[in-house]
Amino acid sequence: MPLMRWLAPGFSYVIIRKRRGHAMRQPKIVIVGAGLVGGSAALFAAVAIPSAEIVIIDVARVRAEGQVLDLAHAAAFWGHNRFYAGDYDHARDADIVVITAGAGVKPGQTRLDLARTNADIAMEIVDRVAPLAPDAIYVIAANPCDVLAGVVFDHLRCARERVISTGTSLDTGRLRSLLSERLGVVASAIHAYVLGEHGESALIAWSAATVSGMPLETFLARSGKELGPASRDLILRSVHEAAKLIKEGKGATHYGIASAIGRICEAIVHNTDLILTVGIVHAEVEGVPEVCLSLPMVINGGGAQLMAYPELDPAEREALQRSARIVKDATDSVLPRG
């Protein structure tokens, strides 16, 4: 007997908010992929947006039903969310579509092989959802997220701000956690960003970092803390290797990226103008055209927009250009030809 038969109708209420100048009904979030990331993302989004209607879609319907049943029980303690395990027909009029579905890396498979496989999956999802939710904002979390966001944007031909890669939002969170431990300052007082690709070519914008409202170098001089070149290289390596360490310990990473997804959804629904390092397809980054990279972006009811290009030193600009070329080449290699 399907699990959904045992789900009592959830109580819900309608909220009104503004997006692009018109009122919206109760927000509807569709998450495609009911694995660890998708299920955790549904949890974080529900806690952040207690009024949201959340639909989980998965090729394995029973897995989506299991996630929904567990979430419905959890939601009894905090809000009025409605959860559904659905098919693509349930994506109608979605405000946000989160794509977590995708294959994992198999033995002997290259990163480009994975990109091609997951690009096909992403385009199939978009083909099913777009006619039903023509105004939806897409949040791409499946990897390689920047490449997939580029493919989805090319496929949809929509406004740039409506296709968002989770990008380096998690990397930035990891960076701030590491710096908090190193400097003895709460992470919320640290404004430092990981830019570029969500991958090995990502860079830390040290020249723009601030701690407790002052430039990083000023803070270091006044506090007596040390953060020299060797320490900075170690921190960047630690950011890159964090996922590997987590997988060795527990088999998979999901809470970090799910938390980032929840924050992105919250910023869209509540129109908060939150700044996160996420990616959209920019017209140009450091001379590289039409490429999805993460920069500090403002996220609100319209999606993600770049308000001001970050001021970087020459070495950082060179590193960002290199990262842009890597993502651009990978994206071009999987885009449909012709």
Protein backbone atom coordinates (compact mmCIF):
# COMPACT_ATOMS: atom_id res chain seq x y z
CA MET A 1 0.00 0.00 0.00
CA PRO A 2 1.51 3.38 -0.93
CA LEU A 3 2.84 5.34 1.99
CA MET A 4 0.99 8.46 0.89
CA ARG A 5 -2.36 6.88 1.79
CA TRP A 6 -1.42 7.28 5.43
CA LEU A 7 -0.65 10.99 5.22
CA ALA A 8 -3.38 13.14 6.71
CA PRO A 9 -4.13 16.37 4.85
CA GLY A 10 -1.81 19.03 6.23
CA PHE A 11 -3.07 22.34 7.54
CA SER A 12 -1.77 25.27 5.53
CA TYR A 13 -2.29 28.98 5.26
CA VAL A 14 -1.75 31.47 2.49
CA ILE A 15 0.84 34.19 2.68
CA ILE A 16 1.11 37.18 0.40
CA ARG A 17 4.48 38.50 -0.63
CA LYS A 18 5.82 40.59 -3.48
CA ARG A 19 7.87 39.34 -6.37
CA ARG A 20 8.33 41.30 -9.53
CA GLY A 21 5.53 43.63 -8.52
CA HIS A 22 2.70 41.14 -8.00
CA ALA A 23 1.25 39.24 -5.08
CA MET A 24 2.00 35.54 -4.70
CA ARG A 25 0.06 32.72 -3.13
CA GLN A 26 1.53 30.24 -0.70
CA PRO A 27 5.07 29.52 -1.95
CA LYS A 28 5.59 26.21 -3.73
CA ILE A 29 9.00 24.55 -3.84
CA VAL A 30 9.64 21.49 -5.98
CA ILE A 31 12.69 19.37 -5.21
CA VAL A 32 13.69 16.86 -7.88
CA GLY A 33 15.74 14.12 -6.25
CA ALA A 34 14.77 12.39 -2.98
CA GLY A 35 18.23 11.30 -1.88
CA LEU A 36 20.17 12.60 1.10
CA VAL A 37 20.64 16.06 -0.40
CA GLY A 38 17.06 16.38 -1.61
CA GLY A 39 15.55 15.18 1.65
CA SER A 40 17.82 17.37 3.75
CA ALA A 41 17.12 20.37 1.50
CA ALA A 42 13.40 19.85 2.01
CA LEU A 43 13.96 19.89 5.77
CA PHE A 44 16.04 23.08 5.78
CA ALA A 45 13.64 24.83 3.39
CA ALA A 46 10.65 23.83 5.49
CA VAL A 47 12.19 25.10 8.72
CA ALA A 48 13.14 28.39 7.03
CA ILE A 49 9.74 28.78 5.33
CA PRO A 50 7.12 27.21 7.62
CA SER A 51 4.28 28.05 5.22
CA ALA A 52 5.81 26.50 2.11
CA GLU A 53 4.27 23.72 0.08
CA ILE A 54 7.08 21.30 -0.76
CA VAL A 55 6.86 18.66 -3.47
CA ILE A 56 9.51 15.95 -3.77
CA ILE A 57 9.84 14.14 -7.09
CA ASP A 58 12.02 11.09 -7.66
CA VAL A 59 12.21 8.28 -10.19
CA ALA A 60 11.86 5.96 -7.18
CA ARG A 61 8.44 7.11 -5.98
CA VAL A 62 8.63 5.08 -2.76
CA ARG A 63 11.78 6.93 -1.73
CA ALA A 64 10.04 10.28 -2.18
CA GLU A 65 7.08 8.97 -0.19
CA GLY A 66 9.39 7.90 2.63
CA GLN A 67 11.01 11.34 2.77
CA VAL A 68 7.62 13.05 2.79
CA LEU A 69 6.25 10.88 5.59
CA ASP A 70 9.32 11.55 7.74
CA LEU A 71 9.16 15.30 7.01
CA ALA A 72 5.43 15.50 7.73
CA HIS A 73 6.02 14.01 11.18
CA ALA A 74 8.90 16.42 11.83
CA ALA A 75 6.87 19.44 10.72
CA ALA A 76 4.34 18.80 13.48
CA PHE A 77 6.85 20.46 15.82
CA TRP A 78 7.41 23.73 13.95
CA GLY A 79 5.05 24.85 11.23
CA HIS A 80 2.32 24.42 8.70
CA ASN A 81 4.21 22.98 5.74
CA ARG A 82 2.47 20.72 3.28
CA PHE A 83 4.59 17.95 1.80
CA TYR A 84 3.83 15.83 -1.24
CA ALA A 85 5.56 13.00 -3.03
CA GLY A 86 4.55 13.72 -6.56
CA ASP A 87 5.26 13.35 -10.23
CA TYR A 88 5.98 16.14 -12.68
CA ASP A 89 2.32 17.14 -12.88
CA HIS A 90 2.67 18.29 -9.27
CA ALA A 91 5.28 20.85 -10.36
CA ARG A 92 2.58 23.06 -11.83
CA ASP A 93 2.94 26.71 -10.77
CA ALA A 94 6.10 26.04 -8.76
CA ASP A 95 7.93 29.15 -7.60
CA ILE A 96 11.26 27.38 -7.07
CA VAL A 97 12.57 24.18 -8.65
CA VAL A 98 15.58 22.63 -6.92
CA ILE A 99 17.49 20.03 -8.92
CA THR A 100 19.47 17.62 -6.75
CA ALA A 101 18.94 14.55 -8.94
CA GLY A 102 22.00 13.24 -10.70
CA ALA A 103 24.39 10.36 -11.01
CA GLY A 104 27.44 9.99 -8.82
CA VAL A 105 30.97 9.47 -10.09
CA LYS A 106 31.55 5.83 -11.05
CA PRO A 107 34.93 4.06 -11.08
CA GLY A 108 36.87 5.04 -14.17
CA GLN A 109 34.49 7.88 -14.99
CA THR A 110 35.91 11.32 -15.66
CA ARG A 111 34.47 14.61 -14.43
CA LEU A 112 33.44 15.36 -18.02
CA ASP A 113 31.64 12.01 -18.28
CA LEU A 114 29.68 12.91 -15.16
CA ALA A 115 28.87 16.33 -16.59
CA ARG A 116 27.42 14.80 -19.75
CA THR A 117 25.32 12.29 -17.82
CA ASN A 118 23.93 14.83 -15.38
CA ALA A 119 23.38 17.44 -18.09
CA ASP A 120 21.07 14.99 -19.85
CA ILE A 121 19.20 14.40 -16.58
CA ALA A 122 18.90 18.14 -15.90
CA MET A 123 17.57 18.90 -19.39
CA GLU A 124 14.99 16.13 -19.11
CA ILE A 125 13.81 17.60 -15.79
CA VAL A 126 13.57 21.10 -17.27
CA ASP A 127 11.64 19.83 -20.29
CA ARG A 128 9.08 18.27 -17.94
CA VAL A 129 8.81 21.20 -15.53
CA ALA A 130 9.13 24.35 -17.66
CA PRO A 131 5.74 24.12 -19.42
CA LEU A 132 4.02 23.71 -16.03
CA ALA A 133 5.97 26.38 -14.13
CA PRO A 134 7.03 28.99 -16.70
CA ASP A 135 8.06 31.57 -14.09
CA ALA A 136 9.97 29.27 -11.74
CA ILE A 137 13.42 30.05 -10.42
CA TYR A 138 15.78 27.08 -10.76
CA VAL A 139 18.35 26.19 -8.11
CA ILE A 140 20.92 23.73 -9.44
CA ALA A 141 22.65 21.65 -6.76
CA ALA A 142 23.52 18.48 -8.71
CA ASN A 143 27.16 18.36 -9.75
CA PRO A 144 28.97 19.79 -11.56
CA CYS A 145 26.53 22.54 -10.55
CA ASP A 146 28.10 25.40 -12.52
CA VAL A 147 28.21 23.41 -15.75
CA LEU A 148 24.65 22.17 -15.25
CA ALA A 149 23.40 25.69 -14.55
CA GLY A 150 25.00 26.79 -17.81
CA VAL A 151 23.29 23.96 -19.67
CA VAL A 152 19.90 24.67 -18.07
CA PHE A 153 20.17 28.39 -18.84
CA ASP A 154 21.08 27.67 -22.45
CA HIS A 155 18.17 25.26 -22.69
CA LEU A 156 15.58 27.59 -21.14
CA ARG A 157 16.74 30.87 -22.71
CA CYS A 158 15.25 32.71 -19.74
CA ALA A 159 16.39 35.67 -17.64
CA ARG A 160 19.87 35.08 -16.22
CA GLU A 161 18.80 35.59 -12.63
CA ARG A 162 16.32 32.69 -12.81
CA VAL A 163 18.92 29.90 -13.05
CA ILE A 164 21.09 29.73 -9.95
CA SER A 165 23.97 27.37 -9.26
CA THR A 166 24.55 26.69 -5.57
CA GLY A 167 28.13 27.33 -6.63
CA THR A 168 30.61 28.18 -3.90
CA SER A 169 28.00 28.99 -1.25
CA LEU A 170 29.01 25.86 0.66
CA ASP A 171 32.72 26.52 0.05
CA THR A 172 32.29 30.00 1.52
CA GLY A 173 30.56 28.50 4.54
CA ARG A 174 33.44 26.07 5.00
CA LEU A 175 35.94 28.91 4.68
CA ARG A 176 34.23 30.99 7.34
CA SER A 177 34.05 27.99 9.66
CA LEU A 178 37.79 27.41 9.28
CA LEU A 179 38.62 31.09 9.76
CA SER A 180 36.38 31.28 12.80
CA GLU A 181 38.31 28.46 14.44
CA ARG A 182 41.66 29.93 13.40
CA LEU A 183 40.97 33.55 14.40
CA GLY A 184 38.76 32.97 17.43
CA VAL A 185 35.91 35.06 16.01
CA VAL A 186 32.32 33.97 15.42
CA ALA A 187 31.76 33.06 11.76
CA SER A 188 29.02 35.68 11.32
CA ALA A 189 31.64 38.42 11.93
CA ILE A 190 33.80 37.12 9.08
CA HIS A 191 33.11 38.30 5.53
CA ALA A 192 35.36 36.28 3.27
CA TYR A 193 34.34 34.65 0.02
CA VAL A 194 35.27 31.69 -2.15
CA LEU A 195 34.78 32.68 -5.80
CA GLY A 196 34.79 30.95 -9.16
CA GLU A 197 34.04 27.30 -9.82
CA HIS A 198 32.60 24.94 -7.25
CA GLY A 199 35.66 22.77 -7.74
CA GLU A 200 39.43 22.69 -7.73
CA SER A 201 39.89 26.04 -9.50
CA ALA A 202 38.00 28.02 -6.84
CA LEU A 203 39.86 30.87 -5.16
CA ILE A 204 39.62 32.84 -1.93
CA ALA A 205 39.30 36.61 -2.30
CA TRP A 206 41.69 37.41 0.54
CA SER A 207 42.13 41.03 -0.54
CA ALA A 208 38.43 41.72 0.04
CA ALA A 209 38.08 39.82 3.34
CA THR A 210 36.97 41.62 6.49
CA VAL A 211 36.78 40.53 10.13
CA SER A 212 34.76 42.37 12.78
CA GLY A 213 34.16 45.22 10.35
CA MET A 214 37.81 45.83 9.47
CA PRO A 215 40.05 44.62 6.63
CA LEU A 216 41.59 41.23 7.34
CA GLU A 217 45.14 42.62 7.37
CA THR A 218 44.15 45.27 9.91
CA PHE A 219 42.51 42.67 12.13
CA LEU A 220 45.59 40.44 11.97
CA ALA A 221 47.92 43.31 12.86
CA ARG A 222 45.80 44.47 15.80
CA SER A 223 44.93 41.04 17.16
CA GLY A 224 48.36 39.48 16.80
CA LYS A 225 46.89 36.55 14.87
CA GLU A 226 48.94 34.92 12.10
CA LEU A 227 47.60 34.06 8.67
CA GLY A 228 50.55 34.02 6.29
CA PRO A 229 50.82 32.56 2.79
CA ALA A 230 51.38 28.99 4.01
CA SER A 231 48.36 29.19 6.31
CA ARG A 232 46.20 30.61 3.53
CA ASP A 233 47.25 27.84 1.16
CA LEU A 234 46.38 25.28 3.84
CA ILE A 235 42.95 26.84 4.37
CA LEU A 236 42.20 26.73 0.63
CA ARG A 237 43.27 23.07 0.50
CA SER A 238 41.08 22.36 3.52
CA VAL A 239 38.09 23.93 1.77
CA HIS A 240 38.74 21.79 -1.31
CA GLU A 241 39.25 18.58 0.69
CA ALA A 242 36.37 19.02 3.14
CA ALA A 243 33.96 16.91 1.11
CA LYS A 244 36.48 14.08 0.88
CA LEU A 245 36.99 14.05 4.65
CA ILE A 246 33.24 14.04 5.30
CA LYS A 247 32.68 11.18 2.86
CA GLU A 248 35.45 9.16 4.48
CA GLY A 249 33.77 9.64 7.84
CA LYS A 250 30.06 9.23 7.03
CA GLY A 251 29.81 8.26 3.38
CA ALA A 252 28.20 11.41 1.95
CA THR A 253 27.90 15.16 2.33
CA HIS A 254 24.42 16.61 2.53
CA TYR A 255 23.75 18.89 5.51
CA GLY A 256 26.05 21.68 4.32
CA ILE A 257 24.71 21.94 0.79
CA ALA A 258 21.13 21.41 2.00
CA SER A 259 21.53 24.31 4.42
CA ALA A 260 22.74 26.50 1.54
CA ILE A 261 19.73 25.45 -0.56
CA GLY A 262 17.42 26.31 2.32
CA ARG A 263 18.95 29.77 2.64
CA ILE A 264 18.63 30.40 -1.10
CA CYS A 265 14.96 29.37 -1.06
CA GLU A 266 14.31 31.51 2.01
CA ALA A 267 15.89 34.56 0.35
CA ILE A 268 13.75 34.08 -2.76
CA VAL A 269 10.48 33.52 -0.90
CA HIS A 270 11.00 36.27 1.66
CA ASN A 271 12.66 38.67 -0.81
CA THR A 272 15.48 39.37 1.65
CA ASP A 273 18.30 40.62 -0.62
CA LEU A 274 20.64 38.09 1.00
CA ILE A 275 24.22 38.03 -0.29
CA LEU A 276 25.64 34.57 -1.01
CA THR A 277 28.32 33.30 -3.36
CA VAL A 278 26.16 31.56 -5.92
CA GLY A 279 26.48 31.34 -9.67
CA ILE A 280 24.49 32.56 -12.63
CA VAL A 281 25.55 32.66 -16.26
CA HIS A 282 27.29 36.02 -16.48
CA ALA A 283 27.61 37.83 -19.79
CA GLU A 284 31.35 38.05 -19.13
CA VAL A 285 33.83 37.34 -16.33
CA GLU A 286 37.42 38.48 -16.74
CA GLY A 287 37.13 38.33 -20.52
CA VAL A 288 35.43 34.92 -20.61
CA PRO A 289 31.93 35.21 -22.11
CA GLU A 290 28.72 33.45 -21.07
CA VAL A 291 30.02 31.49 -18.10
CA CYS A 292 28.47 30.40 -14.80
CA LEU A 293 30.71 31.32 -11.88
CA SER A 294 30.13 32.24 -8.25
CA LEU A 295 30.51 35.85 -7.15
CA PRO A 296 28.84 37.62 -4.21
CA MET A 297 25.26 37.82 -5.46
CA VAL A 298 22.10 39.44 -4.11
CA ILE A 299 19.28 36.90 -3.83
CA ASN A 300 15.64 38.00 -3.64
CA GLY A 301 12.25 37.31 -5.15
CA GLY A 302 13.57 37.84 -8.66
CA GLY A 303 16.43 35.35 -8.34
CA ALA A 304 20.14 36.17 -8.11
CA GLN A 305 21.73 39.37 -9.41
CA LEU A 306 25.24 40.78 -9.37
CA MET A 307 24.97 44.24 -7.84
CA ALA A 308 28.66 45.14 -8.01
CA TYR A 309 31.68 43.30 -9.39
CA PRO A 310 34.13 42.50 -6.56
CA GLU A 311 37.38 44.40 -6.30
CA LEU A 312 40.20 41.85 -6.56
CA ASP A 313 43.97 42.06 -6.69
CA PRO A 314 45.79 41.07 -9.92
CA ALA A 315 46.58 37.52 -8.75
CA GLU A 316 42.97 36.93 -7.76
CA ARG A 317 41.70 38.25 -11.08
CA GLU A 318 44.07 35.92 -12.91
CA ALA A 319 42.86 32.97 -10.81
CA LEU A 320 39.23 33.91 -11.47
CA GLN A 321 39.90 34.09 -15.21
CA ARG A 322 41.47 30.62 -15.10
CA SER A 323 38.46 29.28 -13.22
CA ALA A 324 36.11 30.88 -15.74
CA ARG A 325 37.92 29.24 -18.64
CA ILE A 326 37.73 25.82 -16.99
CA VAL A 327 33.97 26.09 -16.45
CA LYS A 328 33.40 27.58 -19.89
CA ASP A 329 35.30 24.78 -21.64
CA ALA A 330 33.46 22.11 -19.65
CA THR A 331 30.08 23.70 -20.35
CA ASP A 332 30.74 24.09 -24.07
CA SER A 333 31.76 20.44 -24.27
CA VAL A 334 28.37 19.22 -23.04
CA LEU A 335 26.07 21.78 -24.69
CA PRO A 336 24.06 20.35 -27.59
CA ARG A 337 25.71 21.13 -30.90
CA GLY A 338 24.01 22.59 -33.91
